[in-house]
PDB file of N, CA and C in Angstrom:
ATOM      1  N   VAL A   1      13.879  -1.613  -1.914  1.00  0.00           N
ATOM      2  CA  VAL A   1      13.839  -2.279  -2.604  1.00  0.00           C
ATOM      3  C   VAL A   1      12.561  -1.157  -3.450  1.00  0.00           C
ATOM      4  N   VAL A   2      13.081  -0.226  -4.895  1.00  0.00           N
ATOM      5  CA  VAL A   2      12.017   0.044  -5.134  1.00  0.00           C
ATOM      6  C   VAL A   2      11.384   0.095  -6.749  1.00  0.00           C
ATOM      7  N   ALA A   3      10.773  -1.354  -6.661  1.00  0.00           N
ATOM      8  CA  ALA A   3      10.300  -2.163  -8.090  1.00  0.00           C
ATOM      9  C   ALA A   3       9.212  -0.997  -9.017  1.00  0.00           C
ATOM     10  N   VAL A   4      10.330  -1.269 -10.175  1.00  0.00           N
ATOM     11  CA  VAL A   4       9.991  -0.578 -11.340  1.00  0.00           C
ATOM     12  C   VAL A   4       9.172  -2.236 -12.381  1.00  0.00           C
ATOM     13  N   ALA A   5       8.163  -1.193 -12.916  1.00  0.00           N
ATOM     14  CA  ALA A   5       7.335  -2.326 -13.478  1.00  0.00           C
ATOM     15  C   ALA A   5       6.440  -1.407 -14.646  1.00  0.00           C
ATOM     16  N   LEU A   6       5.370  -2.086 -15.146  1.00  0.00           N
ATOM     17  CA  LEU A   6       3.967  -1.580 -16.303  1.00  0.00           C
ATOM     18  C   LEU A   6       3.008  -1.493 -15.658  1.00  0.00           C
ATOM     19  N   PRO A   7       2.047  -0.733 -15.274  1.00  0.00           N
ATOM     20  CA  PRO A   7       1.022  -1.151 -15.169  1.00  0.00           C
ATOM     21  C   PRO A   7       0.115  -2.412 -15.737  1.00  0.00           C
ATOM     22  N   ASP A   8      -0.441  -3.303 -15.115  1.00  0.00           N
ATOM     23  CA  ASP A   8      -1.489  -4.229 -15.305  1.00  0.00           C
ATOM     24  C   ASP A   8       0.022  -5.933 -16.057  1.00  0.00           C
ATOM     25  N   GLU A   9       0.864  -5.429 -15.718  1.00  0.00           N
ATOM     26  CA  GLU A   9       1.507  -6.385 -16.478  1.00  0.00           C
ATOM     27  C   GLU A   9       2.185  -7.696 -15.513  1.00  0.00           C
ATOM     28  N   GLY A  10       1.368  -7.672 -13.902  1.00  0.00           N
ATOM     29  CA  GLY A  10       1.777  -9.008 -12.974  1.00  0.00           C
ATOM     30  C   GLY A  10       2.490  -7.748 -11.976  1.00  0.00           C
ATOM     31  N   THR A  11       2.862  -6.526 -12.158  1.00  0.00           N
ATOM     32  CA  THR A  11       3.329  -6.265 -10.339  1.00  0.00           C
ATOM     33  C   THR A  11       3.390  -6.779  -9.359  1.00  0.00           C
ATOM     34  N   PHE A  12       2.201  -6.533  -8.799  1.00  0.00           N
ATOM     35  CA  PHE A  12       1.402  -6.967  -7.525  1.00  0.00           C
ATOM     36  C   PHE A  12       1.277  -8.545  -7.421  1.00  0.00           C
ATOM     37  N   ALA A  13       1.484  -8.957  -8.750  1.00  0.00           N
ATOM     38  CA  ALA A  13       1.696 -10.156  -8.455  1.00  0.00           C
ATOM     39  C   ALA A  13       2.943 -11.208  -8.131  1.00  0.00           C
ATOM     40  N   TRP A  14       4.303 -10.316  -8.955  1.00  0.00           N
ATOM     41  CA  TRP A  14       5.081  -9.909  -8.471  1.00  0.00           C
ATOM     42  C   TRP A  14       5.908 -10.098  -7.069  1.00  0.00           C
ATOM     43  N   LEU A  15       5.040  -8.856  -6.442  1.00  0.00           N
ATOM     44  CA  LEU A  15       5.675  -8.009  -4.982  1.00  0.00           C
ATOM     45  C   LEU A  15       4.616  -9.554  -3.985  1.00  0.00           C
ATOM     46  N   ASP A  16       3.734 -10.251  -4.224  1.00  0.00           N
ATOM     47  CA  ASP A  16       2.915 -10.879  -3.464  1.00  0.00           C
ATOM     48  C   ASP A  16       4.622 -12.485  -3.763  1.00  0.00           C
ATOM     49  N   GLU A  17       4.875 -12.308  -4.983  1.00  0.00           N
ATOM     50  CA  GLU A  17       5.814 -13.567  -4.764  1.00  0.00           C
ATOM     51  C   GLU A  17       7.244 -13.199  -4.076  1.00  0.00           C
ATOM     52  N   PHE A  18       6.884 -11.899  -4.175  1.00  0.00           N
ATOM     53  CA  PHE A  18       8.611 -11.427  -3.754  1.00  0.00           C
ATOM     54  C   PHE A  18       8.201 -11.149  -1.797  1.00  0.00           C
ATOM     55  N   LEU A  19       7.597 -10.517  -1.768  1.00  0.00           N
ATOM     56  CA  LEU A  19       7.545 -11.113   0.033  1.00  0.00           C
ATOM     57  C   LEU A  19       7.262 -12.113   0.394  1.00  0.00           C
ATOM     58  N   GLU A  20       6.770 -13.010  -0.542  1.00  0.00           N
ATOM     59  CA  GLU A  20       6.838 -14.591   0.185  1.00  0.00           C
ATOM     60  C   GLU A  20       7.680 -15.479   0.562  1.00  0.00           C
ATOM     61  N   ARG A  21       8.792 -14.748  -0.650  1.00  0.00           N
ATOM     62  CA  ARG A  21      10.344 -15.082  -0.529  1.00  0.00           C
ATOM     63  C   ARG A  21      11.781 -14.514   0.349  1.00  0.00           C
ATOM     64  N   ASN A  22      11.334 -13.344   0.561  1.00  0.00           N
ATOM     65  CA  ASN A  22      11.559 -12.720   1.579  1.00  0.00           C
ATOM     66  C   ASN A  22      10.425 -11.886   2.760  1.00  0.00           C
ATOM     67  N   PRO A  23       9.793 -12.473   3.629  1.00  0.00           N
ATOM     68  CA  PRO A  23       9.342 -12.238   4.350  1.00  0.00           C
ATOM     69  C   PRO A  23      10.365 -10.878   5.544  1.00  0.00           C
ATOM     70  N   ARG A  24      11.505 -10.693   5.422  1.00  0.00           N
ATOM     71  CA  ARG A  24      11.958  -9.966   5.923  1.00  0.00           C
ATOM     72  C   ARG A  24      11.796  -8.297   5.811  1.00  0.00           C
ATOM     73  N   PHE A  25      10.526  -8.225   4.766  1.00  0.00           N
ATOM     74  CA  PHE A  25      10.811  -7.639   3.578  1.00  0.00           C
ATOM     75  C   PHE A  25       8.889  -6.160   4.320  1.00  0.00           C
ATOM     76  N   VAL A  26       8.820  -5.369   4.018  1.00  0.00           N
ATOM     77  CA  VAL A  26       7.569  -4.596   4.160  1.00  0.00           C
ATOM     78  C   VAL A  26       6.884  -4.134   3.458  1.00  0.00           C
ATOM     79  N   GLU A  27       6.251  -4.173   2.590  1.00  0.00           N
ATOM     80  CA  GLU A  27       5.409  -3.553   1.661  1.00  0.00           C
ATOM     81  C   GLU A  27       5.028  -2.250   1.565  1.00  0.00           C
ATOM     82  N   LEU A  28       5.022  -1.231   1.147  1.00  0.00           N
ATOM     83  CA  LEU A  28       4.470   0.431   1.421  1.00  0.00           C
ATOM     84  C   LEU A  28       3.940   0.919  -0.076  1.00  0.00           C
ATOM     85  N   SER A  29       2.921   1.069   0.587  1.00  0.00           N
ATOM     86  CA  SER A  29       1.788   1.269  -0.548  1.00  0.00           C
ATOM     87  C   SER A  29       0.757   1.086  -0.426  1.00  0.00           C
ATOM     88  N   ASP A  30      -0.395   1.870  -1.125  1.00  0.00           N
ATOM     89  CA  ASP A  30      -1.583   1.956  -1.001  1.00  0.00           C
ATOM     90  C   ASP A  30      -2.543   1.255  -0.695  1.00  0.00           C
ATOM     91  N   ARG A  31      -2.064  -0.340  -1.401  1.00  0.00           N
ATOM     92  CA  ARG A  31      -3.064  -1.252  -1.366  1.00  0.00           C
ATOM     93  C   ARG A  31      -2.639  -1.751  -0.240  1.00  0.00           C
ATOM     94  N   LYS A  32      -1.702  -1.750   1.288  1.00  0.00           N
ATOM     95  CA  LYS A  32      -0.802  -2.126   1.829  1.00  0.00           C
ATOM     96  C   LYS A  32      -1.652  -1.028   3.466  1.00  0.00           C
ATOM     97  N   ILE A  33      -1.649  -0.310   2.703  1.00  0.00           N
ATOM     98  CA  ILE A  33      -2.378   0.490   3.862  1.00  0.00           C
ATOM     99  C   ILE A  33      -4.331   0.320   4.197  1.00  0.00           C
ATOM    100  N   LEU A  34      -4.256  -0.144   2.988  1.00  0.00           N
ATOM    101  CA  LEU A  34      -5.833   0.019   2.725  1.00  0.00           C
ATOM    102  C   LEU A  34      -5.651  -1.497   3.646  1.00  0.00           C
ATOM    103  N   GLU A  35      -5.131  -2.559   3.684  1.00  0.00           N
ATOM    104  CA  GLU A  35      -5.451  -4.122   3.991  1.00  0.00           C
ATOM    105  C   GLU A  35      -5.458  -3.911   5.754  1.00  0.00           C
ATOM    106  N   TRP A  36      -4.080  -2.985   5.730  1.00  0.00           N
ATOM    107  CA  TRP A  36      -4.400  -2.587   7.675  1.00  0.00           C
ATOM    108  C   TRP A  36      -5.315  -1.541   8.022  1.00  0.00           C
ATOM    109  N   ALA A  37      -5.597  -0.919   7.330  1.00  0.00           N
ATOM    110  CA  ALA A  37      -6.823   0.031   7.735  1.00  0.00           C
ATOM    111  C   ALA A  37      -7.911  -1.085   8.303  1.00  0.00           C
ATOM    112  N   MET A  38      -8.154  -2.131   7.020  1.00  0.00           N
ATOM    113  CA  MET A  38      -9.357  -3.447   7.256  1.00  0.00           C
ATOM    114  C   MET A  38      -8.842  -4.145   8.470  1.00  0.00           C
ATOM    115  N   GLN A  39      -7.675  -4.451   8.656  1.00  0.00           N
ATOM    116  CA  GLN A  39      -7.369  -5.444   9.498  1.00  0.00           C
ATOM    117  C   GLN A  39      -7.454  -4.711  10.830  1.00  0.00           C
ATOM    118  N   SER A  40      -7.764  -3.875  10.674  1.00  0.00           N
ATOM    119  CA  SER A  40      -7.335  -2.702  12.138  1.00  0.00           C
ATOM    120  C   SER A  40      -9.067  -2.358  12.511  1.00  0.00           C
ATOM    121  N   GLY A  41     -10.240  -3.127  11.854  1.00  0.00           N
ATOM    122  CA  GLY A  41     -11.762  -2.694  12.094  1.00  0.00           C
ATOM    123  C   GLY A  41     -12.253  -1.553  11.710  1.00  0.00           C
ATOM    124  N   VAL A  42     -11.481  -0.846  10.396  1.00  0.00           N
ATOM    125  CA  VAL A  42     -11.982   0.643  10.182  1.00  0.00           C
ATOM    126  C   VAL A  42     -13.108   0.103   9.349  1.00  0.00           C
ATOM    127  N   TRP A  43     -14.168   0.578   9.528  1.00  0.00           N
ATOM    128  CA  TRP A  43     -14.841   0.036   8.179  1.00  0.00           C
ATOM    129  C   TRP A  43     -14.900   1.035   6.857  1.00  0.00           C
ATOM    130  N   LYS A  44     -15.273   0.213   5.750  1.00  0.00           N
ATOM    131  CA  LYS A  44     -15.377   0.943   4.057  1.00  0.00           C
ATOM    132  C   LYS A  44     -15.987   1.130   3.748  1.00  0.00           C
ATOM    133  N   HIS A  45     -16.765   2.477   3.643  1.00  0.00           N
ATOM    134  CA  HIS A  45     -18.000   2.623   2.549  1.00  0.00           C
ATOM    135  C   HIS A  45     -17.537   1.760   0.868  1.00  0.00           C
ATOM    136  N   LYS A  46     -18.722   1.888   0.206  1.00  0.00           N
ATOM    137  CA  LYS A  46     -18.930   0.758  -0.703  1.00  0.00           C
ATOM    138  C   LYS A  46     -17.820   2.028  -1.966  1.00  0.00           C
ATOM    139  N   THR A  47     -16.928   1.752  -2.679  1.00  0.00           N
ATOM    140  CA  THR A  47     -16.515   1.637  -3.339  1.00  0.00           C
ATOM    141  C   THR A  47     -16.546   1.284  -4.994  1.00  0.00           C
ATOM    142  N   TYR A  48     -15.904   2.595  -6.218  1.00  0.00           N
ATOM    143  CA  TYR A  48     -16.513   1.384  -7.079  1.00  0.00           C
ATOM    144  C   TYR A  48     -15.578   1.040  -7.867  1.00  0.00           C
ATOM    145  N   ARG A  49     -14.049   2.343  -8.079  1.00  0.00           N
ATOM    146  CA  ARG A  49     -13.158   1.915  -8.676  1.00  0.00           C
ATOM    147  C   ARG A  49     -12.138   0.818  -7.952  1.00  0.00           C
ATOM    148  N   SER A  50     -12.161  -0.341  -8.402  1.00  0.00           N
ATOM    149  CA  SER A  50     -10.407  -1.137  -7.774  1.00  0.00           C
ATOM    150  C   SER A  50      -9.319  -0.953  -8.447  1.00  0.00           C
ATOM    151  N   CYS A  51      -8.331  -1.339  -7.959  1.00  0.00           N
ATOM    152  CA  CYS A  51      -7.389  -0.969  -8.611  1.00  0.00           C
ATOM    153  C   CYS A  51      -5.463  -1.325  -6.906  1.00  0.00           C
ATOM    154  N   ASN A  52      -5.567  -1.786  -7.662  1.00  0.00           N
ATOM    155  CA  ASN A  52      -4.115  -2.057  -6.630  1.00  0.00           C
ATOM    156  C   ASN A  52      -3.391  -1.197  -6.507  1.00  0.00           C
ATOM    157  N   ASP A  53      -3.208  -0.476  -7.078  1.00  0.00           N
ATOM    158  CA  ASP A  53      -2.172   0.507  -7.013  1.00  0.00           C
ATOM    159  C   ASP A  53      -2.483   1.574  -6.222  1.00  0.00           C
ATOM    160  N   LYS A  54      -3.703   2.430  -6.919  1.00  0.00           N
ATOM    161  CA  LYS A  54      -4.537   3.363  -6.311  1.00  0.00           C
ATOM    162  C   LYS A  54      -6.349   2.826  -5.924  1.00  0.00           C
ATOM    163  N   PRO A  55      -5.809   2.125  -4.813  1.00  0.00           N
ATOM    164  CA  PRO A  55      -6.870   1.838  -4.273  1.00  0.00           C
ATOM    165  C   PRO A  55      -8.083   2.746  -3.993  1.00  0.00           C
ATOM    166  N   GLU A  56      -9.314   2.569  -4.040  1.00  0.00           N
ATOM    167  CA  GLU A  56     -10.540   4.149  -3.269  1.00  0.00           C
ATOM    168  C   GLU A  56     -10.325   3.399  -1.764  1.00  0.00           C
ATOM    169  N   PHE A  57     -10.301   4.876  -1.221  1.00  0.00           N
ATOM    170  CA  PHE A  57     -10.156   4.930   0.438  1.00  0.00           C
ATOM    171  C   PHE A  57     -11.623   4.465   1.013  1.00  0.00           C
ATOM    172  N   GLY A  58     -12.189   5.286   0.930  1.00  0.00           N
ATOM    173  CA  GLY A  58     -13.822   6.267   1.004  1.00  0.00           C
ATOM    174  C   GLY A  58     -13.877   5.294   2.277  1.00  0.00           C
ATOM    175  N   PHE A  59     -13.481   5.287   3.630  1.00  0.00           N
ATOM    176  CA  PHE A  59     -13.652   5.310   4.883  1.00  0.00           C
ATOM    177  C   PHE A  59     -14.059   6.583   5.343  1.00  0.00           C
ATOM    178  N   GLU A  60     -14.428   7.667   4.615  1.00  0.00           N
ATOM    179  CA  GLU A  60     -14.831   9.018   5.588  1.00  0.00           C
ATOM    180  C   GLU A  60     -14.402   9.326   7.011  1.00  0.00           C
ATOM    181  N   LEU A  61     -12.923   9.229   6.448  1.00  0.00           N
ATOM    182  CA  LEU A  61     -12.208  10.092   7.133  1.00  0.00           C
ATOM    183  C   LEU A  61     -11.113  10.542   6.931  1.00  0.00           C
ATOM    184  N   PRO A  62     -11.237  12.196   6.948  1.00  0.00           N
ATOM    185  CA  PRO A  62     -10.171  12.630   5.905  1.00  0.00           C
ATOM    186  C   PRO A  62      -9.095  12.296   6.042  1.00  0.00           C
ATOM    187  N   SER A  63      -8.463  12.225   7.197  1.00  0.00           N
ATOM    188  CA  SER A  63      -6.308  11.612   6.958  1.00  0.00           C
ATOM    189  C   SER A  63      -6.370  10.459   6.155  1.00  0.00           C
ATOM    190  N   MET A  64      -7.437   9.549   6.083  1.00  0.00           N
ATOM    191  CA  MET A  64      -7.289   8.472   5.282  1.00  0.00           C
ATOM    192  C   MET A  64      -7.562   8.743   3.845  1.00  0.00           C
ATOM    193  N   ASP A  65      -9.298   9.188   3.666  1.00  0.00           N
ATOM    194  CA  ASP A  65      -9.477   9.315   2.042  1.00  0.00           C
ATOM    195  C   ASP A  65      -8.789  10.819   1.132  1.00  0.00           C
ATOM    196  N   ASP A  66      -7.675  11.156   2.685  1.00  0.00           N
ATOM    197  CA  ASP A  66      -6.929  12.630   1.240  1.00  0.00           C
ATOM    198  C   ASP A  66      -5.169  12.341   1.393  1.00  0.00           C
ATOM    199  N   PHE A  67      -5.205  10.793   1.613  1.00  0.00           N
ATOM    200  CA  PHE A  67      -3.800  10.688   1.654  1.00  0.00           C
ATOM    201  C   PHE A  67      -2.782  11.003   2.390  1.00  0.00           C
ATOM    202  N   SER A  68      -3.522  11.769   3.651  1.00  0.00           N
ATOM    203  CA  SER A  68      -2.682  11.994   4.796  1.00  0.00           C
ATOM    204  C   SER A  68      -1.640  10.937   5.222  1.00  0.00           C
ATOM    205  N   LEU A  69      -2.143   9.985   5.479  1.00  0.00           N
ATOM    206  CA  LEU A  69      -1.738   8.813   6.121  1.00  0.00           C
ATOM    207  C   LEU A  69      -0.597   7.993   5.399  1.00  0.00           C
ATOM    208  N   ARG A  70      -0.856   7.978   4.103  1.00  0.00           N
ATOM    209  CA  ARG A  70       0.504   7.683   3.908  1.00  0.00           C
ATOM    210  C   ARG A  70       1.440   8.563   3.194  1.00  0.00           C
ATOM    211  N   ARG A  71       1.834   9.884   3.508  1.00  0.00           N
ATOM    212  CA  ARG A  71       2.387  10.814   3.592  1.00  0.00           C
ATOM    213  C   ARG A  71       3.342  10.845   5.048  1.00  0.00           C
ATOM    214  N   VAL A  72       2.382  10.527   6.233  1.00  0.00           N
ATOM    215  CA  VAL A  72       3.249  10.158   7.037  1.00  0.00           C
ATOM    216  C   VAL A  72       3.625   9.089   6.915  1.00  0.00           C
ATOM    217  N   ILE A  73       3.280   7.197   6.603  1.00  0.00           N
ATOM    218  CA  ILE A  73       4.059   6.558   6.880  1.00  0.00           C
ATOM    219  C   ILE A  73       4.917   7.087   5.680  1.00  0.00           C
ATOM    220  N   ASN A  74       5.364   7.308   4.382  1.00  0.00           N
ATOM    221  CA  ASN A  74       6.314   7.888   4.022  1.00  0.00           C
ATOM    222  C   ASN A  74       7.858   8.687   5.041  1.00  0.00           C
ATOM    223  N   SER A  75       6.791   9.220   6.156  1.00  0.00           N
ATOM    224  CA  SER A  75       7.871  10.331   6.380  1.00  0.00           C
ATOM    225  C   SER A  75       8.802   9.244   7.981  1.00  0.00           C
ATOM    226  N   ILE A  76       7.639   8.969   7.783  1.00  0.00           N
ATOM    227  CA  ILE A  76       8.438   7.808   9.328  1.00  0.00           C
ATOM    228  C   ILE A  76       9.591   6.656   8.931  1.00  0.00           C
ATOM    229  N   ALA A  77       9.043   5.825   7.834  1.00  0.00           N
ATOM    230  CA  ALA A  77       9.811   4.869   7.046  1.00  0.00           C
ATOM    231  C   ALA A  77      11.278   5.180   7.149  1.00  0.00           C
ATOM    232  N   PRO A  78      11.743   6.178   6.755  1.00  0.00           N
ATOM    233  CA  PRO A  78      13.089   5.920   6.835  1.00  0.00           C
ATOM    234  C   PRO A  78      13.901   5.810   8.329  1.00  0.00           C
ATOM    235  N   VAL A  79      12.836   5.980   9.580  1.00  0.00           N
ATOM    236  CA  VAL A  79      14.141   6.431  10.202  1.00  0.00           C
ATOM    237  C   VAL A  79      13.360   4.626  11.293  1.00  0.00           C
ATOM    238  N   MET A  80      12.906   4.108  10.584  1.00  0.00           N
ATOM    239  CA  MET A  80      12.621   2.646  11.178  1.00  0.00           C
ATOM    240  C   MET A  80      13.494   1.645  10.740  1.00  0.00           C
ATOM    241  N   PRO A  81      14.101   0.874  11.372  1.00  0.00           N
ATOM    242  CA  PRO A  81      15.188   0.289  10.951  1.00  0.00           C
ATOM    243  C   PRO A  81      14.085  -1.746  10.351  1.00  0.00           C
ATOM    244  N   ARG A  82      13.974  -1.325   9.226  1.00  0.00           N
ATOM    245  CA  ARG A  82      13.326  -2.380   8.602  1.00  0.00           C
ATOM    246  C   ARG A  82      13.714  -2.006   6.539  1.00  0.00           C
ATOM    247  N   HIS A  83      13.412  -3.271   6.506  1.00  0.00           N
ATOM    248  CA  HIS A  83      13.512  -3.172   5.195  1.00  0.00           C
ATOM    249  C   HIS A  83      12.061  -2.830   4.086  1.00  0.00           C
ATOM    250  N   TYR A  84      12.220  -2.173   2.980  1.00  0.00           N
ATOM    251  CA  TYR A  84      10.931  -2.066   2.524  1.00  0.00           C
ATOM    252  C   TYR A  84      10.172  -2.180   1.071  1.00  0.00           C
ATOM    253  N   VAL A  85       9.551  -2.600   0.747  1.00  0.00           N
ATOM    254  CA  VAL A  85       9.687  -2.025  -0.783  1.00  0.00           C
ATOM    255  C   VAL A  85       8.636  -1.521  -1.569  1.00  0.00           C
ATOM    256  N   VAL A  86       9.056  -0.889  -1.920  1.00  0.00           N
ATOM    257  CA  VAL A  86       7.707   1.014  -2.178  1.00  0.00           C
ATOM    258  C   VAL A  86       7.333   0.078  -3.623  1.00  0.00           C
ATOM    259  N   MET A  87       5.756   0.313  -3.330  1.00  0.00           N
ATOM    260  CA  MET A  87       5.165  -0.166  -4.515  1.00  0.00           C
ATOM    261  C   MET A  87       4.062   0.600  -4.912  1.00  0.00           C
ATOM    262  N   GLU A  88       4.306   1.572  -6.224  1.00  0.00           N
ATOM    263  CA  GLU A  88       3.773   2.239  -6.863  1.00  0.00           C
ATOM    264  C   GLU A  88       4.031   2.632  -8.339  1.00  0.00           C
ATOM    265  N   VAL A  89       2.899   1.791  -8.904  1.00  0.00           N
ATOM    266  CA  VAL A  89       2.868   1.707 -10.170  1.00  0.00           C
ATOM    267  C   VAL A  89       2.464   3.090 -11.185  1.00  0.00           C
ATOM    268  N   LYS A  90       2.954   4.007 -12.093  1.00  0.00           N
ATOM    269  CA  LYS A  90       3.498   4.561 -13.125  1.00  0.00           C
ATOM    270  C   LYS A  90       2.643   4.605 -14.102  1.00  0.00           C
TER     271      LYS A  90
END
């Protein structure tokens, strides 16, 4: 599923509700990568910009902070047998 929405119009609220009703789907977004990292115990430095779509990572880990990890996940996802929701607001 590729969601199409406008910024600041409840896009991530819609996504949270969609995932609650459809637990077989996995979210692919910067917000989710940030959540996975924090749940894994990766320590985050204080950041000042907060946004669901493009959160600042601030881990001081090059592969995280330059979004290389996002590219790796987006490369691997097509070969994994799962249902995905790709979230990116532009």
